[in-house]
Amino acid sequence: MSQLSLKQCNEVLVIGCGLMGAGIAQVVAQAGFNVIVMDRTEEDLIKGKNQIEKALRKQDATAQEEIKKRIIFSTRISDGKNADLAIEAIPEKIDQKKELFVTLDELLKPEAILASNTSSLSIADMSSVTKRPEQVIGLHFFSPVPIMQLLEIVVSINTSKVVIEWAQAFGEKLRKKTIIAKDYPGFVVNRVLVPMLNEAAFLVMEGNAPSEIDKGLMLGANHPIGPLKLTDMVGVDVVLYTLQSLYEGYNDSKYRPCPLLKRMVEAGHLGKKTGRGFYEYK
């Protein structure tokens, strides 16, 4: 069982430098931790670095430099071997995540904690391939990470109480509000939210205008953003993968992905990140 304390946690390894990974790296560095961000290519790292620098422009020059000094970018996962905590933020593919957890389990010190930013996949399944299942936990951040207040802490049947308490303290150190979620597909937020996004896609498929649907939910349900704008922000592909995980996890037809989402992903209309989703973006 991990005896790691926040005072002992000096270095955090973030695997994946996309939208979520870069955002996680930023908030962890802002909280005073040293961060190593790892991705497969220099191009991916440059994109993530640019995202972080853009987000930090709201800080004064001194703060920007202090935060950037705490972040190291690397294409070699071995550079993170001394990390006290690893957070994976790679695509939502369970086989890829389990393969990564085998590598992390062999690479990191025995007391290090392994965390996944997954939005719906099984933490217990990931922990099963390690020699430290009690030290594996879900740290589900929300996009955009520097702005969204919530950190969903996902607890599997293997996760120890000590690690749960450590994760709550870590979340507070990042200035996040935490909730504890049980390790079932979708956890808490996406279990409620993603079926709504799916239903909005069905409405579009039936001929309703995206702008009218979004306007209706914003004015009629007091949502700050419409479900289709939100889908474009999150990524149509991410929403589809989450729905597929819910559908397979519960074997319940109420989670059946809208066919329109599948066609949009096949066509490369993934939302804001590709310039076209339910709306078009410059």
C-alpha atoms as a PDB file:
ATOM      1  CA  MET A   1       0.000   0.000   0.000  1.00  0.00           C
ATOM      2  CA  SER A   2       1.302   3.442  -0.927  1.00  0.00           C
ATOM      3  CA  GLN A   3       2.615   5.553   1.944  1.00  0.00           C
ATOM      4  CA  LEU A   4       3.145   8.556  -0.328  1.00  0.00           C
ATOM      5  CA  SER A   5       2.264  11.939   1.141  1.00  0.00           C
ATOM      6  CA  LEU A   6       1.681  15.185  -0.737  1.00  0.00           C
ATOM      7  CA  LYS A   7       4.875  16.569   0.801  1.00  0.00           C
ATOM      8  CA  GLN A   8       6.776  13.628  -0.694  1.00  0.00           C
ATOM      9  CA  CYS A   9       5.156  14.012  -4.122  1.00  0.00           C
ATOM     10  CA  ASN A  10       7.695  16.014  -6.061  1.00  0.00           C
ATOM     11  CA  GLU A  11       7.265  14.781  -9.609  1.00  0.00           C
ATOM     12  CA  VAL A  12       4.199  13.897 -11.670  1.00  0.00           C
ATOM     13  CA  LEU A  13       4.329  12.065 -14.993  1.00  0.00           C
ATOM     14  CA  VAL A  14       1.534  12.891 -17.466  1.00  0.00           C
ATOM     15  CA  ILE A  15       1.259  10.542 -20.437  1.00  0.00           C
ATOM     16  CA  GLY A  16      -0.449  12.196 -23.379  1.00  0.00           C
ATOM     17  CA  CYS A  17      -0.033  15.831 -24.402  1.00  0.00           C
ATOM     18  CA  GLY A  18      -3.347  16.376 -26.153  1.00  0.00           C
ATOM     19  CA  LEU A  19      -6.119  18.682 -25.002  1.00  0.00           C
ATOM     20  CA  MET A  20      -6.605  16.870 -21.675  1.00  0.00           C
ATOM     21  CA  GLY A  21      -2.982  15.914 -20.987  1.00  0.00           C
ATOM     22  CA  ALA A  22      -1.680  19.434 -21.590  1.00  0.00           C
ATOM     23  CA  GLY A  23      -4.404  20.877 -19.373  1.00  0.00           C
ATOM     24  CA  ILE A  24      -3.618  18.410 -16.586  1.00  0.00           C
ATOM     25  CA  ALA A  25       0.094  19.195 -16.843  1.00  0.00           C
ATOM     26  CA  GLN A  26      -0.665  22.900 -16.546  1.00  0.00           C
ATOM     27  CA  VAL A  27      -2.815  22.697 -13.404  1.00  0.00           C
ATOM     28  CA  VAL A  28      -0.399  20.278 -11.732  1.00  0.00           C
ATOM     29  CA  ALA A  29       2.537  22.625 -12.435  1.00  0.00           C
ATOM     30  CA  GLN A  30       0.501  25.607 -11.221  1.00  0.00           C
ATOM     31  CA  ALA A  31       0.002  23.746  -7.932  1.00  0.00           C
ATOM     32  CA  GLY A  32       3.770  23.602  -7.447  1.00  0.00           C
ATOM     33  CA  PHE A  33       4.616  20.093  -8.645  1.00  0.00           C
ATOM     34  CA  ASN A  34       7.318  19.269 -11.185  1.00  0.00           C
ATOM     35  CA  VAL A  35       5.777  17.686 -14.276  1.00  0.00           C
ATOM     36  CA  ILE A  36       7.089  15.495 -17.072  1.00  0.00           C
ATOM     37  CA  VAL A  37       4.732  15.364 -20.053  1.00  0.00           C
ATOM     38  CA  MET A  38       5.291  12.448 -22.388  1.00  0.00           C
ATOM     39  CA  ASP A  39       3.891  11.842 -25.869  1.00  0.00           C
ATOM     40  CA  ARG A  40       4.978   9.815 -28.885  1.00  0.00           C
ATOM     41  CA  THR A  41       6.040  12.603 -31.219  1.00  0.00           C
ATOM     42  CA  GLU A  42       7.683  16.014 -31.001  1.00  0.00           C
ATOM     43  CA  GLU A  43       4.764  17.401 -33.012  1.00  0.00           C
ATOM     44  CA  ASP A  44       2.277  16.298 -30.333  1.00  0.00           C
ATOM     45  CA  LEU A  45       4.457  17.835 -27.630  1.00  0.00           C
ATOM     46  CA  ILE A  46       4.747  21.146 -29.489  1.00  0.00           C
ATOM     47  CA  LYS A  47       0.955  21.356 -29.835  1.00  0.00           C
ATOM     48  CA  GLY A  48       0.528  20.714 -26.128  1.00  0.00           C
ATOM     49  CA  LYS A  49       3.239  23.194 -25.202  1.00  0.00           C
ATOM     50  CA  ASN A  50       1.580  25.877 -27.340  1.00  0.00           C
ATOM     51  CA  GLN A  51      -1.755  25.149 -25.660  1.00  0.00           C
ATOM     52  CA  ILE A  52      -0.215  25.583 -22.206  1.00  0.00           C
ATOM     53  CA  GLU A  53       1.585  28.810 -23.149  1.00  0.00           C
ATOM     54  CA  LYS A  54      -1.619  30.252 -24.612  1.00  0.00           C
ATOM     55  CA  ALA A  55      -3.564  29.388 -21.443  1.00  0.00           C
ATOM     56  CA  LEU A  56      -0.887  30.940 -19.231  1.00  0.00           C
ATOM     57  CA  ARG A  57      -1.053  34.348 -20.919  1.00  0.00           C
ATOM     58  CA  LYS A  58      -3.568  35.447 -18.314  1.00  0.00           C
ATOM     59  CA  GLN A  59      -0.849  35.076 -15.650  1.00  0.00           C
ATOM     60  CA  ASP A  60       1.793  37.723 -15.052  1.00  0.00           C
ATOM     61  CA  ALA A  61       5.188  37.181 -16.705  1.00  0.00           C
ATOM     62  CA  THR A  62       6.920  35.969 -13.538  1.00  0.00           C
ATOM     63  CA  ALA A  63       4.224  33.387 -12.780  1.00  0.00           C
ATOM     64  CA  GLN A  64       4.268  32.178 -16.389  1.00  0.00           C
ATOM     65  CA  GLU A  65       7.999  31.524 -16.272  1.00  0.00           C
ATOM     66  CA  GLU A  66       7.829  29.774 -12.895  1.00  0.00           C
ATOM     67  CA  ILE A  67       5.098  27.429 -14.109  1.00  0.00           C
ATOM     68  CA  LYS A  68       6.812  26.696 -17.437  1.00  0.00           C
ATOM     69  CA  LYS A  69      10.082  25.896 -15.626  1.00  0.00           C
ATOM     70  CA  ARG A  70       8.284  23.082 -13.782  1.00  0.00           C
ATOM     71  CA  ILE A  71       7.214  21.328 -17.016  1.00  0.00           C
ATOM     72  CA  ILE A  72       9.520  19.076 -19.037  1.00  0.00           C
ATOM     73  CA  PHE A  73       8.384  17.648 -22.396  1.00  0.00           C
ATOM     74  CA  SER A  74       9.712  14.281 -23.556  1.00  0.00           C
ATOM     75  CA  THR A  75       9.084  11.489 -26.058  1.00  0.00           C
ATOM     76  CA  ARG A  76      10.747   8.960 -23.700  1.00  0.00           C
ATOM     77  CA  ILE A  77       8.571   7.515 -20.959  1.00  0.00           C
ATOM     78  CA  SER A  78      11.728   6.447 -19.115  1.00  0.00           C
ATOM     79  CA  ASP A  79      12.374  10.133 -18.347  1.00  0.00           C
ATOM     80  CA  GLY A  80       9.497   9.877 -15.868  1.00  0.00           C
ATOM     81  CA  LYS A  81      10.914   6.920 -13.935  1.00  0.00           C
ATOM     82  CA  ASN A  82      11.273   8.948 -10.725  1.00  0.00           C
ATOM     83  CA  ALA A  83       7.652  10.144 -10.728  1.00  0.00           C
ATOM     84  CA  ASP A  84       5.587   9.744  -7.560  1.00  0.00           C
ATOM     85  CA  LEU A  85       2.327   9.870  -9.519  1.00  0.00           C
ATOM     86  CA  ALA A  86       1.529   8.966 -13.125  1.00  0.00           C
ATOM     87  CA  ILE A  87      -1.641  10.209 -14.841  1.00  0.00           C
ATOM     88  CA  GLU A  88      -2.470   8.733 -18.222  1.00  0.00           C
ATOM     89  CA  ALA A  89      -4.450  10.841 -20.689  1.00  0.00           C
ATOM     90  CA  ILE A  90      -4.242   8.705 -23.824  1.00  0.00           C
ATOM     91  CA  PRO A  91      -7.169   7.732 -26.138  1.00  0.00           C
ATOM     92  CA  GLU A  92     -10.095   5.802 -24.688  1.00  0.00           C
ATOM     93  CA  LYS A  93      -8.917   2.343 -25.740  1.00  0.00           C
ATOM     94  CA  ILE A  94      -8.777  -0.144 -22.869  1.00  0.00           C
ATOM     95  CA  ASP A  95      -6.095  -2.340 -24.473  1.00  0.00           C
ATOM     96  CA  GLN A  96      -3.783   0.660 -24.949  1.00  0.00           C
ATOM     97  CA  LYS A  97      -4.352   1.820 -21.390  1.00  0.00           C
ATOM     98  CA  LYS A  98      -3.659  -1.639 -19.929  1.00  0.00           C
ATOM     99  CA  GLU A  99      -0.479  -1.946 -21.978  1.00  0.00           C
ATOM    100  CA  LEU A 100       0.626   1.433 -20.650  1.00  0.00           C
ATOM    101  CA  PHE A 101      -0.143   0.440 -17.053  1.00  0.00           C
ATOM    102  CA  VAL A 102       2.064  -2.652 -17.403  1.00  0.00           C
ATOM    103  CA  THR A 103       4.900  -0.352 -18.506  1.00  0.00           C
ATOM    104  CA  LEU A 104       4.271   2.141 -15.695  1.00  0.00           C
ATOM    105  CA  ASP A 105       4.090  -0.614 -13.100  1.00  0.00           C
ATOM    106  CA  GLU A 106       7.519  -1.870 -14.140  1.00  0.00           C
ATOM    107  CA  LEU A 107       9.024   1.621 -14.509  1.00  0.00           C
ATOM    108  CA  LEU A 108       7.936   3.488 -11.373  1.00  0.00           C
ATOM    109  CA  LYS A 109       8.927   3.048  -7.732  1.00  0.00           C
ATOM    110  CA  PRO A 110       6.719   0.669  -5.675  1.00  0.00           C
ATOM    111  CA  GLU A 111       5.031   3.480  -3.709  1.00  0.00           C
ATOM    112  CA  ALA A 112       4.058   5.493  -6.795  1.00  0.00           C
ATOM    113  CA  ILE A 113       0.358   5.928  -7.578  1.00  0.00           C
ATOM    114  CA  LEU A 114      -1.031   5.138 -11.029  1.00  0.00           C
ATOM    115  CA  ALA A 115      -4.030   7.158 -12.224  1.00  0.00           C
ATOM    116  CA  SER A 116      -6.226   7.232 -15.308  1.00  0.00           C
ATOM    117  CA  ASN A 117      -8.084  10.223 -16.712  1.00  0.00           C
ATOM    118  CA  THR A 118     -10.565   7.892 -18.409  1.00  0.00           C
ATOM    119  CA  SER A 119     -14.122   9.171 -18.648  1.00  0.00           C
ATOM    120  CA  SER A 120     -15.799   5.747 -18.658  1.00  0.00           C
ATOM    121  CA  LEU A 121     -13.429   2.745 -18.764  1.00  0.00           C
ATOM    122  CA  SER A 122     -12.897   0.302 -15.891  1.00  0.00           C
ATOM    123  CA  ILE A 123     -10.276   1.275 -13.321  1.00  0.00           C
ATOM    124  CA  ALA A 124     -10.401  -2.266 -11.902  1.00  0.00           C
ATOM    125  CA  ASP A 125      -9.560  -3.673 -15.333  1.00  0.00           C
ATOM    126  CA  MET A 126      -6.533  -1.374 -15.626  1.00  0.00           C
ATOM    127  CA  SER A 127      -5.394  -2.194 -12.091  1.00  0.00           C
ATOM    128  CA  SER A 128      -5.570  -5.947 -12.789  1.00  0.00           C
ATOM    129  CA  VAL A 129      -2.438  -5.863 -14.972  1.00  0.00           C
ATOM    130  CA  THR A 130      -0.305  -4.236 -12.234  1.00  0.00           C
ATOM    131  CA  LYS A 131       1.367  -5.509  -9.089  1.00  0.00           C
ATOM    132  CA  ARG A 132      -0.130  -2.562  -7.164  1.00  0.00           C
ATOM    133  CA  PRO A 133      -3.907  -2.695  -7.833  1.00  0.00           C
ATOM    134  CA  GLU A 134      -4.638  -0.919  -4.550  1.00  0.00           C
ATOM    135  CA  GLN A 135      -2.626   2.079  -5.825  1.00  0.00           C
ATOM    136  CA  VAL A 136      -4.573   2.507  -9.073  1.00  0.00           C
ATOM    137  CA  ILE A 137      -7.286   5.175  -9.165  1.00  0.00           C
ATOM    138  CA  GLY A 138      -9.263   7.302 -11.585  1.00  0.00           C
ATOM    139  CA  LEU A 139      -8.586  11.052 -11.689  1.00  0.00           C
ATOM    140  CA  HIS A 140     -11.159  12.247 -14.210  1.00  0.00           C
ATOM    141  CA  PHE A 141     -10.603  15.898 -15.100  1.00  0.00           C
ATOM    142  CA  PHE A 142     -13.045  17.906 -17.184  1.00  0.00           C
ATOM    143  CA  SER A 143     -12.321  20.055 -20.230  1.00  0.00           C
ATOM    144  CA  PRO A 144     -10.961  22.691 -20.288  1.00  0.00           C
ATOM    145  CA  VAL A 145      -8.944  21.433 -17.327  1.00  0.00           C
ATOM    146  CA  PRO A 146      -7.616  24.821 -16.090  1.00  0.00           C
ATOM    147  CA  ILE A 147     -11.160  26.236 -15.934  1.00  0.00           C
ATOM    148  CA  MET A 148     -13.456  23.377 -14.883  1.00  0.00           C
ATOM    149  CA  GLN A 149     -13.649  23.015 -11.104  1.00  0.00           C
ATOM    150  CA  LEU A 150     -14.527  19.329 -10.828  1.00  0.00           C
ATOM    151  CA  LEU A 151     -12.207  16.372 -10.326  1.00  0.00           C
ATOM    152  CA  GLU A 152     -14.066  13.068 -10.317  1.00  0.00           C
ATOM    153  CA  ILE A 153     -12.152  10.519  -8.218  1.00  0.00           C
ATOM    154  CA  VAL A 154     -13.021   7.029  -9.440  1.00  0.00           C
ATOM    155  CA  VAL A 155     -12.595   4.231  -6.923  1.00  0.00           C
ATOM    156  CA  SER A 156     -12.363   0.590  -7.963  1.00  0.00           C
ATOM    157  CA  ILE A 157     -12.936  -2.388  -5.680  1.00  0.00           C
ATOM    158  CA  ASN A 158      -9.135  -2.634  -5.430  1.00  0.00           C
ATOM    159  CA  THR A 159      -8.332   0.995  -4.536  1.00  0.00           C
ATOM    160  CA  SER A 160      -7.169   1.444  -0.948  1.00  0.00           C
ATOM    161  CA  LYS A 161      -8.655   3.967   1.467  1.00  0.00           C
ATOM    162  CA  VAL A 162      -5.215   5.568   1.886  1.00  0.00           C
ATOM    163  CA  VAL A 163      -4.961   6.232  -1.852  1.00  0.00           C
ATOM    164  CA  ILE A 164      -8.526   7.605  -1.977  1.00  0.00           C
ATOM    165  CA  GLU A 165      -7.705  10.077   0.792  1.00  0.00           C
ATOM    166  CA  TRP A 166      -4.428  10.976  -0.930  1.00  0.00           C
ATOM    167  CA  ALA A 167      -6.305  11.663  -4.201  1.00  0.00           C
ATOM    168  CA  GLN A 168      -8.781  13.937  -2.407  1.00  0.00           C
ATOM    169  CA  ALA A 169      -5.918  15.935  -0.862  1.00  0.00           C
ATOM    170  CA  PHE A 170      -4.177  16.089  -4.255  1.00  0.00           C
ATOM    171  CA  GLY A 171      -7.370  17.445  -5.840  1.00  0.00           C
ATOM    172  CA  GLU A 172      -7.623  20.132  -3.183  1.00  0.00           C
ATOM    173  CA  LYS A 173      -3.983  21.056  -3.804  1.00  0.00           C
ATOM    174  CA  LEU A 174      -4.919  21.571  -7.472  1.00  0.00           C
ATOM    175  CA  ARG A 175      -7.790  23.815  -6.281  1.00  0.00           C
ATOM    176  CA  LYS A 176     -10.386  21.393  -7.612  1.00  0.00           C
ATOM    177  CA  LYS A 177     -13.651  20.311  -6.021  1.00  0.00           C
ATOM    178  CA  THR A 178     -13.755  16.519  -5.758  1.00  0.00           C
ATOM    179  CA  ILE A 179     -16.474  13.902  -5.811  1.00  0.00           C
ATOM    180  CA  ILE A 180     -16.082  10.157  -5.264  1.00  0.00           C
ATOM    181  CA  ALA A 181     -17.512   7.934  -8.000  1.00  0.00           C
ATOM    182  CA  LYS A 182     -17.835   4.170  -8.067  1.00  0.00           C
ATOM    183  CA  ASP A 183     -16.083   2.286 -10.845  1.00  0.00           C
ATOM    184  CA  TYR A 184     -18.990   1.592 -13.199  1.00  0.00           C
ATOM    185  CA  PRO A 185     -19.156   2.743 -16.848  1.00  0.00           C
ATOM    186  CA  GLY A 186     -19.671   6.517 -17.085  1.00  0.00           C
ATOM    187  CA  PHE A 187     -19.046   6.994 -13.349  1.00  0.00           C
ATOM    188  CA  VAL A 188     -21.300   9.882 -12.173  1.00  0.00           C
ATOM    189  CA  VAL A 189     -21.128  12.846 -14.538  1.00  0.00           C
ATOM    190  CA  ASN A 190     -20.919  11.084 -17.902  1.00  0.00           C
ATOM    191  CA  ARG A 191     -23.506   8.500 -16.861  1.00  0.00           C
ATOM    192  CA  VAL A 192     -25.997  11.381 -16.711  1.00  0.00           C
ATOM    193  CA  LEU A 193     -24.521  13.814 -19.244  1.00  0.00           C
ATOM    194  CA  VAL A 194     -23.554  11.692 -22.256  1.00  0.00           C
ATOM    195  CA  PRO A 195     -27.016  10.132 -22.837  1.00  0.00           C
ATOM    196  CA  MET A 196     -28.344  13.708 -23.040  1.00  0.00           C
ATOM    197  CA  LEU A 197     -25.750  14.576 -25.693  1.00  0.00           C
ATOM    198  CA  ASN A 198     -26.726  11.407 -27.543  1.00  0.00           C
ATOM    199  CA  GLU A 199     -30.422  12.340 -27.442  1.00  0.00           C
ATOM    200  CA  ALA A 200     -29.588  15.786 -28.830  1.00  0.00           C
ATOM    201  CA  ALA A 201     -27.803  14.072 -31.748  1.00  0.00           C
ATOM    202  CA  PHE A 202     -30.939  11.981 -32.394  1.00  0.00           C
ATOM    203  CA  LEU A 203     -32.936  15.233 -32.551  1.00  0.00           C
ATOM    204  CA  VAL A 204     -30.568  16.572 -35.222  1.00  0.00           C
ATOM    205  CA  MET A 205     -30.817  13.312 -37.158  1.00  0.00           C
ATOM    206  CA  GLU A 206     -34.600  13.720 -37.130  1.00  0.00           C
ATOM    207  CA  GLY A 207     -34.299  17.178 -38.721  1.00  0.00           C
ATOM    208  CA  ASN A 208     -34.117  19.614 -35.808  1.00  0.00           C
ATOM    209  CA  ALA A 209     -31.628  22.474 -36.100  1.00  0.00           C
ATOM    210  CA  PRO A 210     -28.633  22.275 -33.697  1.00  0.00           C
ATOM    211  CA  SER A 211     -29.016  25.958 -32.789  1.00  0.00           C
ATOM    212  CA  GLU A 212     -32.663  25.457 -31.824  1.00  0.00           C
ATOM    213  CA  ILE A 213     -31.856  22.444 -29.660  1.00  0.00           C
ATOM    214  CA  ASP A 214     -29.057  24.287 -27.885  1.00  0.00           C
ATOM    215  CA  LYS A 215     -31.192  27.388 -27.407  1.00  0.00           C
ATOM    216  CA  GLY A 216     -33.969  25.263 -25.946  1.00  0.00           C
ATOM    217  CA  LEU A 217     -31.738  23.624 -23.332  1.00  0.00           C
ATOM    218  CA  MET A 218     -30.028  26.885 -22.405  1.00  0.00           C
ATOM    219  CA  LEU A 219     -33.270  28.807 -21.947  1.00  0.00           C
ATOM    220  CA  GLY A 220     -35.530  25.965 -20.820  1.00  0.00           C
ATOM    221  CA  ALA A 221     -33.150  24.076 -18.514  1.00  0.00           C
ATOM    222  CA  ASN A 222     -30.769  26.929 -17.601  1.00  0.00           C
ATOM    223  CA  HIS A 223     -27.743  25.111 -19.054  1.00  0.00           C
ATOM    224  CA  PRO A 224     -24.736  27.411 -19.608  1.00  0.00           C
ATOM    225  CA  ILE A 225     -24.006  25.774 -22.968  1.00  0.00           C
ATOM    226  CA  GLY A 226     -26.131  23.739 -25.362  1.00  0.00           C
ATOM    227  CA  PRO A 227     -25.571  19.952 -25.652  1.00  0.00           C
ATOM    228  CA  LEU A 228     -24.412  20.122 -29.277  1.00  0.00           C
ATOM    229  CA  LYS A 229     -21.950  22.958 -28.661  1.00  0.00           C
ATOM    230  CA  LEU A 230     -20.681  20.906 -25.737  1.00  0.00           C
ATOM    231  CA  THR A 231     -20.335  17.814 -27.930  1.00  0.00           C
ATOM    232  CA  ASP A 232     -18.257  19.846 -30.394  1.00  0.00           C
ATOM    233  CA  MET A 233     -16.055  21.110 -27.545  1.00  0.00           C
ATOM    234  CA  VAL A 234     -15.509  17.670 -26.028  1.00  0.00           C
ATOM    235  CA  GLY A 235     -15.103  15.987 -29.410  1.00  0.00           C
ATOM    236  CA  VAL A 236     -17.720  14.031 -31.317  1.00  0.00           C
ATOM    237  CA  ASP A 237     -15.353  11.044 -31.317  1.00  0.00           C
ATOM    238  CA  VAL A 238     -14.911  11.210 -27.531  1.00  0.00           C
ATOM    239  CA  VAL A 239     -18.685  11.322 -27.002  1.00  0.00           C
ATOM    240  CA  LEU A 240     -19.138   8.357 -29.360  1.00  0.00           C
ATOM    241  CA  TYR A 241     -16.441   6.283 -27.620  1.00  0.00           C
ATOM    242  CA  THR A 242     -17.991   7.047 -24.241  1.00  0.00           C
ATOM    243  CA  LEU A 243     -21.420   5.973 -25.474  1.00  0.00           C
ATOM    244  CA  GLN A 244     -19.984   2.763 -26.880  1.00  0.00           C
ATOM    245  CA  SER A 245     -18.381   2.068 -23.510  1.00  0.00           C
ATOM    246  CA  LEU A 246     -21.686   2.671 -21.713  1.00  0.00           C
ATOM    247  CA  TYR A 247     -23.565   0.495 -24.215  1.00  0.00           C
ATOM    248  CA  GLU A 248     -21.098  -2.384 -23.864  1.00  0.00           C
ATOM    249  CA  GLY A 249     -20.712  -1.951 -20.106  1.00  0.00           C
ATOM    250  CA  TYR A 250     -24.414  -2.095 -19.241  1.00  0.00           C
ATOM    251  CA  ASN A 251     -25.753  -3.978 -22.289  1.00  0.00           C
ATOM    252  CA  ASP A 252     -28.677  -1.546 -22.184  1.00  0.00           C
ATOM    253  CA  SER A 253     -30.288  -0.134 -25.348  1.00  0.00           C
ATOM    254  CA  LYS A 254     -30.803   3.273 -23.734  1.00  0.00           C
ATOM    255  CA  TYR A 255     -27.084   3.913 -24.325  1.00  0.00           C
ATOM    256  CA  ARG A 256     -27.220   2.988 -28.043  1.00  0.00           C
ATOM    257  CA  PRO A 257     -25.091   5.567 -29.905  1.00  0.00           C
ATOM    258  CA  CYS A 258     -26.906   7.762 -32.396  1.00  0.00           C
ATOM    259  CA  PRO A 259     -26.005   6.651 -35.983  1.00  0.00           C
ATOM    260  CA  LEU A 260     -25.363  10.309 -36.872  1.00  0.00           C
ATOM    261  CA  LEU A 261     -22.473  10.416 -34.385  1.00  0.00           C
ATOM    262  CA  LYS A 262     -20.909   7.385 -36.065  1.00  0.00           C
ATOM    263  CA  ARG A 263     -21.208   8.974 -39.517  1.00  0.00           C
ATOM    264  CA  MET A 264     -19.721  12.259 -38.284  1.00  0.00           C
ATOM    265  CA  VAL A 265     -16.703  10.464 -36.837  1.00  0.00           C
ATOM    266  CA  GLU A 266     -16.247   8.469 -40.060  1.00  0.00           C
ATOM    267  CA  ALA A 267     -16.365  11.732 -42.021  1.00  0.00           C
ATOM    268  CA  GLY A 268     -13.826  13.401 -39.718  1.00  0.00           C
ATOM    269  CA  HIS A 269     -16.327  15.941 -38.376  1.00  0.00           C
ATOM    270  CA  LEU A 270     -15.095  15.730 -34.793  1.00  0.00           C
ATOM    271  CA  GLY A 271     -16.096  19.189 -33.578  1.00  0.00           C
ATOM    272  CA  LYS A 272     -14.079  22.251 -32.743  1.00  0.00           C
ATOM    273  CA  LYS A 273     -10.709  20.471 -33.014  1.00  0.00           C
ATOM    274  CA  THR A 274     -11.270  19.701 -36.714  1.00  0.00           C
ATOM    275  CA  GLY A 275     -13.215  22.868 -37.577  1.00  0.00           C
ATOM    276  CA  ARG A 276     -16.504  21.107 -38.166  1.00  0.00           C
ATOM    277  CA  GLY A 277     -18.965  19.197 -36.023  1.00  0.00           C
ATOM    278  CA  PHE A 278     -22.563  20.167 -35.405  1.00  0.00           C
ATOM    279  CA  TYR A 279     -21.304  23.694 -36.136  1.00  0.00           C
ATOM    280  CA  GLU A 280     -18.502  25.059 -38.295  1.00  0.00           C
ATOM    281  CA  TYR A 281     -15.481  26.816 -36.791  1.00  0.00           C
ATOM    282  CA  LYS A 282     -12.784  28.966 -38.306  1.00  0.00           C
END
